[in-house]
């Protein structure tokens, strides 16, 4: 490491001061915001994964069904939103 590079340090920046407006990421962000997030929400409602997050949820089928991604799908959706 040289003396010059030692003087250059990374400075954290708040996410509120960052925008991605380049031709690659900007259209993908817009699609995610306007289409993908709503579509995923609709699917979570349709498959009752949103209801499963409430404490009084009761599955309508008589036997339990193991769904590995039942709770992680809503978490990923929240992260995307």
PDB file of N, CA and C in Angstrom:
ATOM      1  N   UNK A   1       0.845  -1.178   0.000  1.00  0.00           N
ATOM      2  CA  UNK A   1       0.000   0.000   0.000  1.00  0.00           C
ATOM      3  C   UNK A   1       0.888   1.237   0.000  1.00  0.00           C
ATOM      4  N   UNK A   2       0.639   2.131  -0.886  1.00  0.00           N
ATOM      5  CA  UNK A   2       1.449   3.347  -0.957  1.00  0.00           C
ATOM      6  C   UNK A   2       0.877   4.403  -0.026  1.00  0.00           C
ATOM      7  N   UNK A   3       1.650   5.424   0.193  1.00  0.00           N
ATOM      8  CA  UNK A   3       1.208   6.523   1.049  1.00  0.00           C
ATOM      9  C   UNK A   3      -0.029   7.191   0.472  1.00  0.00           C
ATOM     10  N   UNK A   4      -0.052   7.337  -0.850  1.00  0.00           N
ATOM     11  CA  UNK A   4      -1.191   7.994  -1.486  1.00  0.00           C
ATOM     12  C   UNK A   4      -2.471   7.179  -1.308  1.00  0.00           C
ATOM     13  N   UNK A   5      -2.398   5.871  -1.490  1.00  0.00           N
ATOM     14  CA  UNK A   5      -3.600   5.057  -1.347  1.00  0.00           C
ATOM     15  C   UNK A   5      -4.035   4.971   0.114  1.00  0.00           C
ATOM     16  N   UNK A   6      -3.108   5.091   1.048  1.00  0.00           N
ATOM     17  CA  UNK A   6      -3.468   5.073   2.462  1.00  0.00           C
ATOM     18  C   UNK A   6      -4.294   6.302   2.822  1.00  0.00           C
ATOM     19  N   UNK A   7      -4.084   7.390   2.116  1.00  0.00           N
ATOM     20  CA  UNK A   7      -4.839   8.614   2.384  1.00  0.00           C
ATOM     21  C   UNK A   7      -6.258   8.535   1.842  1.00  0.00           C
ATOM     22  N   UNK A   8      -6.450   7.710   0.834  1.00  0.00           N
ATOM     23  CA  UNK A   8      -7.781   7.568   0.242  1.00  0.00           C
ATOM     24  C   UNK A   8      -8.561   6.535   1.043  1.00  0.00           C
ATOM     25  N   UNK A   9      -9.589   6.982   1.674  1.00  0.00           N
ATOM     26  CA  UNK A   9     -10.407   6.068   2.456  1.00  0.00           C
ATOM     27  C   UNK A   9     -11.835   6.120   1.949  1.00  0.00           C
ATOM     28  N   UNK A  10     -12.520   5.001   2.082  1.00  0.00           N
ATOM     29  CA  UNK A  10     -13.919   4.958   1.693  1.00  0.00           C
ATOM     30  C   UNK A  10     -14.753   5.647   2.761  1.00  0.00           C
ATOM     31  N   UNK A  11     -15.692   6.439   2.311  1.00  0.00           N
ATOM     32  CA  UNK A  11     -16.586   7.132   3.220  1.00  0.00           C
ATOM     33  C   UNK A  11     -18.000   6.622   3.007  1.00  0.00           C
ATOM     34  N   UNK A  12     -18.663   6.150   4.052  1.00  0.00           N
ATOM     35  CA  UNK A  12     -20.032   5.660   3.892  1.00  0.00           C
ATOM     36  C   UNK A  12     -20.968   6.776   3.433  1.00  0.00           C
ATOM     37  N   UNK A  13     -21.929   6.401   2.621  1.00  0.00           N
ATOM     38  CA  UNK A  13     -22.919   7.350   2.111  1.00  0.00           C
ATOM     39  C   UNK A  13     -24.297   6.815   2.463  1.00  0.00           C
ATOM     40  N   UNK A  14     -25.170   7.680   2.903  1.00  0.00           N
ATOM     41  CA  UNK A  14     -26.540   7.273   3.210  1.00  0.00           C
ATOM     42  C   UNK A  14     -27.250   6.844   1.931  1.00  0.00           C
ATOM     43  N   UNK A  15     -28.098   5.829   2.029  1.00  0.00           N
ATOM     44  CA  UNK A  15     -28.820   5.357   0.840  1.00  0.00           C
ATOM     45  C   UNK A  15     -29.742   6.436   0.280  1.00  0.00           C
ATOM     46  N   UNK A  16     -30.114   7.410   1.090  1.00  0.00           N
ATOM     47  CA  UNK A  16     -30.980   8.488   0.597  1.00  0.00           C
ATOM     48  C   UNK A  16     -30.233   9.434  -0.338  1.00  0.00           C
ATOM     49  N   UNK A  17     -28.918   9.337  -0.350  1.00  0.00           N
ATOM     50  CA  UNK A  17     -28.108  10.185  -1.223  1.00  0.00           C
ATOM     51  C   UNK A  17     -27.599   9.444  -2.460  1.00  0.00           C
ATOM     52  N   UNK A  18     -28.137   8.259  -2.694  1.00  0.00           N
ATOM     53  CA  UNK A  18     -27.680   7.446  -3.824  1.00  0.00           C
ATOM     54  C   UNK A  18     -28.824   7.234  -4.801  1.00  0.00           C
ATOM     55  N   UNK A  19     -28.557   7.470  -6.079  1.00  0.00           N
ATOM     56  CA  UNK A  19     -29.530   7.163  -7.124  1.00  0.00           C
ATOM     57  C   UNK A  19     -28.827   6.368  -8.221  1.00  0.00           C
ATOM     58  N   UNK A  20     -29.564   5.416  -8.765  1.00  0.00           N
ATOM     59  CA  UNK A  20     -29.045   4.635  -9.879  1.00  0.00           C
ATOM     60  C   UNK A  20     -29.863   5.020 -11.103  1.00  0.00           C
ATOM     61  N   UNK A  21     -29.315   5.892 -11.908  1.00  0.00           N
ATOM     62  CA  UNK A  21     -30.068   6.369 -13.068  1.00  0.00           C
ATOM     63  C   UNK A  21     -29.363   6.065 -14.385  1.00  0.00           C
ATOM     64  N   UNK A  22     -28.552   5.030 -14.357  1.00  0.00           N
ATOM     65  CA  UNK A  22     -27.851   4.649 -15.581  1.00  0.00           C
ATOM     66  C   UNK A  22     -28.787   3.840 -16.481  1.00  0.00           C
ATOM     67  N   UNK A  23     -28.427   3.620 -17.727  1.00  0.00           N
ATOM     68  CA  UNK A  23     -29.308   2.917 -18.667  1.00  0.00           C
ATOM     69  C   UNK A  23     -29.500   1.433 -18.355  1.00  0.00           C
ATOM     70  N   UNK A  24     -28.678   0.863 -17.479  1.00  0.00           N
ATOM     71  CA  UNK A  24     -28.868  -0.552 -17.137  1.00  0.00           C
ATOM     72  C   UNK A  24     -29.819  -0.722 -15.950  1.00  0.00           C
ATOM     73  N   UNK A  25     -29.526  -0.065 -14.820  1.00  0.00           N
ATOM     74  CA  UNK A  25     -30.300  -0.294 -13.605  1.00  0.00           C
ATOM     75  C   UNK A  25     -31.610   0.481 -13.542  1.00  0.00           C
ATOM     76  N   UNK A  26     -31.661   1.673 -14.063  1.00  0.00           N
ATOM     77  CA  UNK A  26     -32.875   2.497 -13.943  1.00  0.00           C
ATOM     78  C   UNK A  26     -34.120   1.812 -14.505  1.00  0.00           C
ATOM     79  N   UNK A  27     -34.081   1.233 -15.712  1.00  0.00           N
ATOM     80  CA  UNK A  27     -35.284   0.556 -16.214  1.00  0.00           C
ATOM     81  C   UNK A  27     -35.679  -0.657 -15.361  1.00  0.00           C
ATOM     82  N   UNK A  28     -34.705  -1.355 -14.828  1.00  0.00           N
ATOM     83  CA  UNK A  28     -35.015  -2.519 -13.987  1.00  0.00           C
ATOM     84  C   UNK A  28     -35.652  -2.088 -12.667  1.00  0.00           C
ATOM     85  N   UNK A  29     -35.175  -1.006 -12.112  1.00  0.00           N
ATOM     86  CA  UNK A  29     -35.782  -0.481 -10.892  1.00  0.00           C
ATOM     87  C   UNK A  29     -37.222  -0.055 -11.156  1.00  0.00           C
ATOM     88  N   UNK A  30     -37.448   0.593 -12.277  1.00  0.00           N
ATOM     89  CA  UNK A  30     -38.796   1.042 -12.618  1.00  0.00           C
ATOM     90  C   UNK A  30     -39.736  -0.149 -12.806  1.00  0.00           C
ATOM     91  N   UNK A  31     -39.289  -1.184 -13.489  1.00  0.00           N
ATOM     92  CA  UNK A  31     -40.110  -2.389 -13.666  1.00  0.00           C
ATOM     93  C   UNK A  31     -40.401  -3.034 -12.324  1.00  0.00           C
ATOM     94  N   UNK A  32     -39.407  -3.128 -11.487  1.00  0.00           N
ATOM     95  CA  UNK A  32     -39.596  -3.702 -10.159  1.00  0.00           C
ATOM     96  C   UNK A  32     -40.634  -2.907  -9.372  1.00  0.00           C
ATOM     97  N   UNK A  33     -40.512  -1.591  -9.420  1.00  0.00           N
ATOM     98  CA  UNK A  33     -41.408  -0.712  -8.674  1.00  0.00           C
ATOM     99  C   UNK A  33     -42.832  -0.759  -9.203  1.00  0.00           C
ATOM    100  N   UNK A  34     -42.994  -0.748 -10.515  1.00  0.00           N
ATOM    101  CA  UNK A  34     -44.330  -0.603 -11.097  1.00  0.00           C
ATOM    102  C   UNK A  34     -45.035  -1.917 -11.415  1.00  0.00           C
ATOM    103  N   UNK A  35     -44.306  -3.022 -11.560  1.00  0.00           N
ATOM    104  CA  UNK A  35     -44.933  -4.282 -11.974  1.00  0.00           C
ATOM    105  C   UNK A  35     -44.624  -5.431 -11.011  1.00  0.00           C
ATOM    106  N   UNK A  36     -43.365  -5.685 -10.793  1.00  0.00           N
ATOM    107  CA  UNK A  36     -42.949  -6.892 -10.084  1.00  0.00           C
ATOM    108  C   UNK A  36     -43.453  -6.950  -8.649  1.00  0.00           C
ATOM    109  N   UNK A  37     -43.306  -5.867  -7.903  1.00  0.00           N
ATOM    110  CA  UNK A  37     -43.701  -5.872  -6.495  1.00  0.00           C
ATOM    111  C   UNK A  37     -45.193  -6.157  -6.351  1.00  0.00           C
ATOM    112  N   UNK A  38     -46.027  -5.530  -7.182  1.00  0.00           N
ATOM    113  CA  UNK A  38     -47.473  -5.775  -7.110  1.00  0.00           C
ATOM    114  C   UNK A  38     -47.817  -7.208  -7.525  1.00  0.00           C
ATOM    115  N   UNK A  39     -47.174  -7.709  -8.546  1.00  0.00           N
ATOM    116  CA  UNK A  39     -47.441  -9.076  -9.007  1.00  0.00           C
ATOM    117  C   UNK A  39     -47.096 -10.100  -7.918  1.00  0.00           C
ATOM    118  N   UNK A  40     -45.965  -9.915  -7.273  1.00  0.00           N
ATOM    119  CA  UNK A  40     -45.582 -10.834  -6.205  1.00  0.00           C
ATOM    120  C   UNK A  40     -46.588 -10.762  -5.062  1.00  0.00           C
ATOM    121  N   UNK A  41     -47.029  -9.555  -4.713  1.00  0.00           N
ATOM    122  CA  UNK A  41     -48.030  -9.414  -3.656  1.00  0.00           C
ATOM    123  C   UNK A  41     -49.302 -10.172  -4.015  1.00  0.00           C
ATOM    124  N   UNK A  42     -49.768 -10.027  -5.237  1.00  0.00           N
ATOM    125  CA  UNK A  42     -50.973 -10.740  -5.671  1.00  0.00           C
ATOM    126  C   UNK A  42     -50.801 -12.250  -5.522  1.00  0.00           C
ATOM    127  N   UNK A  43     -49.646 -12.762  -5.875  1.00  0.00           N
ATOM    128  CA  UNK A  43     -49.381 -14.199  -5.741  1.00  0.00           C
ATOM    129  C   UNK A  43     -49.310 -14.621  -4.266  1.00  0.00           C
ATOM    130  N   UNK A  44     -48.752 -13.778  -3.415  1.00  0.00           N
ATOM    131  CA  UNK A  44     -48.698 -14.089  -1.990  1.00  0.00           C
ATOM    132  C   UNK A  44     -50.099 -14.139  -1.385  1.00  0.00           C
ATOM    133  N   UNK A  45     -50.979 -13.266  -1.842  1.00  0.00           N
ATOM    134  CA  UNK A  45     -52.371 -13.295  -1.385  1.00  0.00           C
ATOM    135  C   UNK A  45     -53.058 -14.551  -1.915  1.00  0.00           C
ATOM    136  N   UNK A  46     -52.871 -14.832  -3.193  1.00  0.00           N
ATOM    137  CA  UNK A  46     -53.498 -15.998  -3.830  1.00  0.00           C
ATOM    138  C   UNK A  46     -53.100 -17.309  -3.145  1.00  0.00           C
ATOM    139  N   UNK A  47     -51.862 -17.433  -2.755  1.00  0.00           N
ATOM    140  CA  UNK A  47     -51.377 -18.668  -2.127  1.00  0.00           C
ATOM    141  C   UNK A  47     -51.480 -18.624  -0.599  1.00  0.00           C
ATOM    142  N   UNK A  48     -52.088 -17.578  -0.084  1.00  0.00           N
ATOM    143  CA  UNK A  48     -52.325 -17.374   1.352  1.00  0.00           C
ATOM    144  C   UNK A  48     -51.050 -17.253   2.175  1.00  0.00           C
ATOM    145  N   UNK A  49     -49.969 -16.902   1.545  1.00  0.00           N
ATOM    146  CA  UNK A  49     -48.729 -16.714   2.305  1.00  0.00           C
ATOM    147  C   UNK A  49     -48.800 -15.454   3.167  1.00  0.00           C
ATOM    148  N   UNK A  50     -49.534 -14.437   2.713  1.00  0.00           N
ATOM    149  CA  UNK A  50     -49.700 -13.227   3.516  1.00  0.00           C
ATOM    150  C   UNK A  50     -50.516 -13.551   4.765  1.00  0.00           C
ATOM    151  N   UNK A  51     -51.604 -14.305   4.606  1.00  0.00           N
ATOM    152  CA  UNK A  51     -52.430 -14.692   5.759  1.00  0.00           C
ATOM    153  C   UNK A  51     -51.633 -15.522   6.755  1.00  0.00           C
ATOM    154  N   UNK A  52     -50.717 -16.296   6.263  1.00  0.00           N
ATOM    155  CA  UNK A  52     -49.923 -17.164   7.138  1.00  0.00           C
ATOM    156  C   UNK A  52     -49.064 -16.366   8.112  1.00  0.00           C
ATOM    157  N   UNK A  53     -48.870 -15.086   7.852  1.00  0.00           N
ATOM    158  CA  UNK A  53     -48.077 -14.258   8.752  1.00  0.00           C
ATOM    159  C   UNK A  53     -48.882 -13.782   9.958  1.00  0.00           C
ATOM    160  N   UNK A  54     -50.208 -13.896   9.905  1.00  0.00           N
ATOM    161  CA  UNK A  54     -51.038 -13.476  11.032  1.00  0.00           C
ATOM    162  C   UNK A  54     -51.083 -14.590  12.075  1.00  0.00           C
ATOM    163  N   UNK A  55     -51.319 -14.218  13.307  1.00  0.00           N
ATOM    164  CA  UNK A  55     -51.300 -15.203  14.388  1.00  0.00           C
ATOM    165  C   UNK A  55     -52.539 -16.090  14.415  1.00  0.00           C
ATOM    166  N   UNK A  56     -53.640 -15.652  13.798  1.00  0.00           N
ATOM    167  CA  UNK A  56     -54.868 -16.445  13.842  1.00  0.00           C
ATOM    168  C   UNK A  56     -55.145 -17.183  12.532  1.00  0.00           C
ATOM    169  N   UNK A  57     -54.140 -17.385  11.714  1.00  0.00           N
ATOM    170  CA  UNK A  57     -54.300 -18.064  10.430  1.00  0.00           C
ATOM    171  C   UNK A  57     -54.596 -19.545  10.632  1.00  0.00           C
ATOM    172  N   UNK A  58     -55.582 -20.048   9.879  1.00  0.00           N
ATOM    173  CA  UNK A  58     -55.880 -21.478   9.877  1.00  0.00           C
ATOM    174  C   UNK A  58     -55.918 -21.957   8.442  1.00  0.00           C
ATOM    175  N   UNK A  59     -55.130 -22.971   8.158  1.00  0.00           N
ATOM    176  CA  UNK A  59     -55.095 -23.537   6.810  1.00  0.00           C
ATOM    177  C   UNK A  59     -56.397 -24.274   6.551  1.00  0.00           C
ATOM    178  N   UNK A  60     -56.908 -24.169   5.329  1.00  0.00           N
ATOM    179  CA  UNK A  60     -58.185 -24.765   4.964  1.00  0.00           C
ATOM    180  C   UNK A  60     -58.094 -26.250   4.642  1.00  0.00           C
ATOM    181  N   UNK A  61     -56.915 -26.785   4.495  1.00  0.00           N
ATOM    182  CA  UNK A  61     -56.768 -28.212   4.185  1.00  0.00           C
ATOM    183  C   UNK A  61     -56.649 -28.997   5.492  1.00  0.00           C
ATOM    184  N   UNK A  62     -57.117 -30.237   5.522  1.00  0.00           N
ATOM    185  CA  UNK A  62     -57.137 -30.995   6.774  1.00  0.00           C
ATOM    186  C   UNK A  62     -55.773 -31.422   7.306  1.00  0.00           C
ATOM    187  N   UNK A  63     -54.821 -31.660   6.434  1.00  0.00           N
ATOM    188  CA  UNK A  63     -53.505 -32.092   6.898  1.00  0.00           C
ATOM    189  C   UNK A  63     -52.477 -31.009   6.633  1.00  0.00           C
ATOM    190  N   UNK A  64     -51.493 -30.898   7.497  1.00  0.00           N
ATOM    191  CA  UNK A  64     -50.468 -29.879   7.263  1.00  0.00           C
ATOM    192  C   UNK A  64     -49.669 -30.163   5.994  1.00  0.00           C
ATOM    193  N   UNK A  65     -49.359 -29.110   5.305  1.00  0.00           N
ATOM    194  CA  UNK A  65     -48.536 -29.210   4.102  1.00  0.00           C
ATOM    195  C   UNK A  65     -47.240 -28.459   4.383  1.00  0.00           C
ATOM    196  N   UNK A  66     -46.144 -29.120   4.185  1.00  0.00           N
ATOM    197  CA  UNK A  66     -44.857 -28.472   4.420  1.00  0.00           C
ATOM    198  C   UNK A  66     -44.468 -27.711   3.162  1.00  0.00           C
ATOM    199  N   UNK A  67     -44.359 -26.414   3.312  1.00  0.00           N
ATOM    200  CA  UNK A  67     -43.925 -25.557   2.207  1.00  0.00           C
ATOM    201  C   UNK A  67     -42.670 -24.839   2.674  1.00  0.00           C
ATOM    202  N   UNK A  68     -41.583 -25.239   2.143  1.00  0.00           N
ATOM    203  CA  UNK A  68     -40.295 -24.722   2.588  1.00  0.00           C
ATOM    204  C   UNK A  68     -40.216 -23.202   2.492  1.00  0.00           C
ATOM    205  N   UNK A  69     -40.789 -22.630   1.443  1.00  0.00           N
ATOM    206  CA  UNK A  69     -40.610 -21.202   1.215  1.00  0.00           C
ATOM    207  C   UNK A  69     -41.814 -20.384   1.666  1.00  0.00           C
ATOM    208  N   UNK A  70     -42.682 -20.958   2.468  1.00  0.00           N
ATOM    209  CA  UNK A  70     -43.897 -20.279   2.896  1.00  0.00           C
ATOM    210  C   UNK A  70     -43.659 -18.990   3.650  1.00  0.00           C
ATOM    211  N   UNK A  71     -42.616 -18.912   4.433  1.00  0.00           N
ATOM    212  CA  UNK A  71     -42.360 -17.687   5.172  1.00  0.00           C
ATOM    213  C   UNK A  71     -41.246 -16.847   4.555  1.00  0.00           C
ATOM    214  N   UNK A  72     -40.378 -17.460   3.788  1.00  0.00           N
ATOM    215  CA  UNK A  72     -39.290 -16.672   3.205  1.00  0.00           C
ATOM    216  C   UNK A  72     -39.749 -15.889   1.974  1.00  0.00           C
ATOM    217  N   UNK A  73     -40.785 -16.366   1.282  1.00  0.00           N
ATOM    218  CA  UNK A  73     -41.286 -15.624   0.118  1.00  0.00           C
ATOM    219  C   UNK A  73     -41.799 -14.238   0.508  1.00  0.00           C
ATOM    220  N   UNK A  74     -42.636 -14.112   1.557  1.00  0.00           N
ATOM    221  CA  UNK A  74     -43.047 -12.763   1.963  1.00  0.00           C
ATOM    222  C   UNK A  74     -41.863 -11.909   2.418  1.00  0.00           C
ATOM    223  N   UNK A  75     -40.883 -12.521   3.042  1.00  0.00           N
ATOM    224  CA  UNK A  75     -39.711 -11.763   3.474  1.00  0.00           C
ATOM    225  C   UNK A  75     -38.947 -11.210   2.271  1.00  0.00           C
ATOM    226  N   UNK A  76     -38.810 -12.018   1.234  1.00  0.00           N
ATOM    227  CA  UNK A  76     -38.124 -11.552   0.017  1.00  0.00           C
ATOM    228  C   UNK A  76     -38.925 -10.443  -0.655  1.00  0.00           C
ATOM    229  N   UNK A  77     -40.261 -10.569  -0.615  1.00  0.00           N
ATOM    230  CA  UNK A  77     -41.122  -9.542  -1.207  1.00  0.00           C
ATOM    231  C   UNK A  77     -40.952  -8.220  -0.459  1.00  0.00           C
ATOM    232  N   UNK A  78     -40.936  -8.283   0.869  1.00  0.00           N
ATOM    233  CA  UNK A  78     -40.734  -7.064   1.660  1.00  0.00           C
ATOM    234  C   UNK A  78     -39.390  -6.424   1.347  1.00  0.00           C
ATOM    235  N   UNK A  79     -38.389  -7.244   1.187  1.00  0.00           N
ATOM    236  CA  UNK A  79     -37.061  -6.736   0.861  1.00  0.00           C
ATOM    237  C   UNK A  79     -37.054  -6.058  -0.510  1.00  0.00           C
ATOM    238  N   UNK A  80     -37.776  -6.636  -1.460  1.00  0.00           N
ATOM    239  CA  UNK A  80     -37.831  -6.056  -2.806  1.00  0.00           C
ATOM    240  C   UNK A  80     -38.583  -4.734  -2.817  1.00  0.00           C
ATOM    241  N   UNK A  81     -39.607  -4.641  -1.977  1.00  0.00           N
ATOM    242  CA  UNK A  81     -40.409  -3.415  -1.937  1.00  0.00           C
ATOM    243  C   UNK A  81     -39.601  -2.303  -1.320  1.00  0.00           C
TER     244      UNK A  81
END
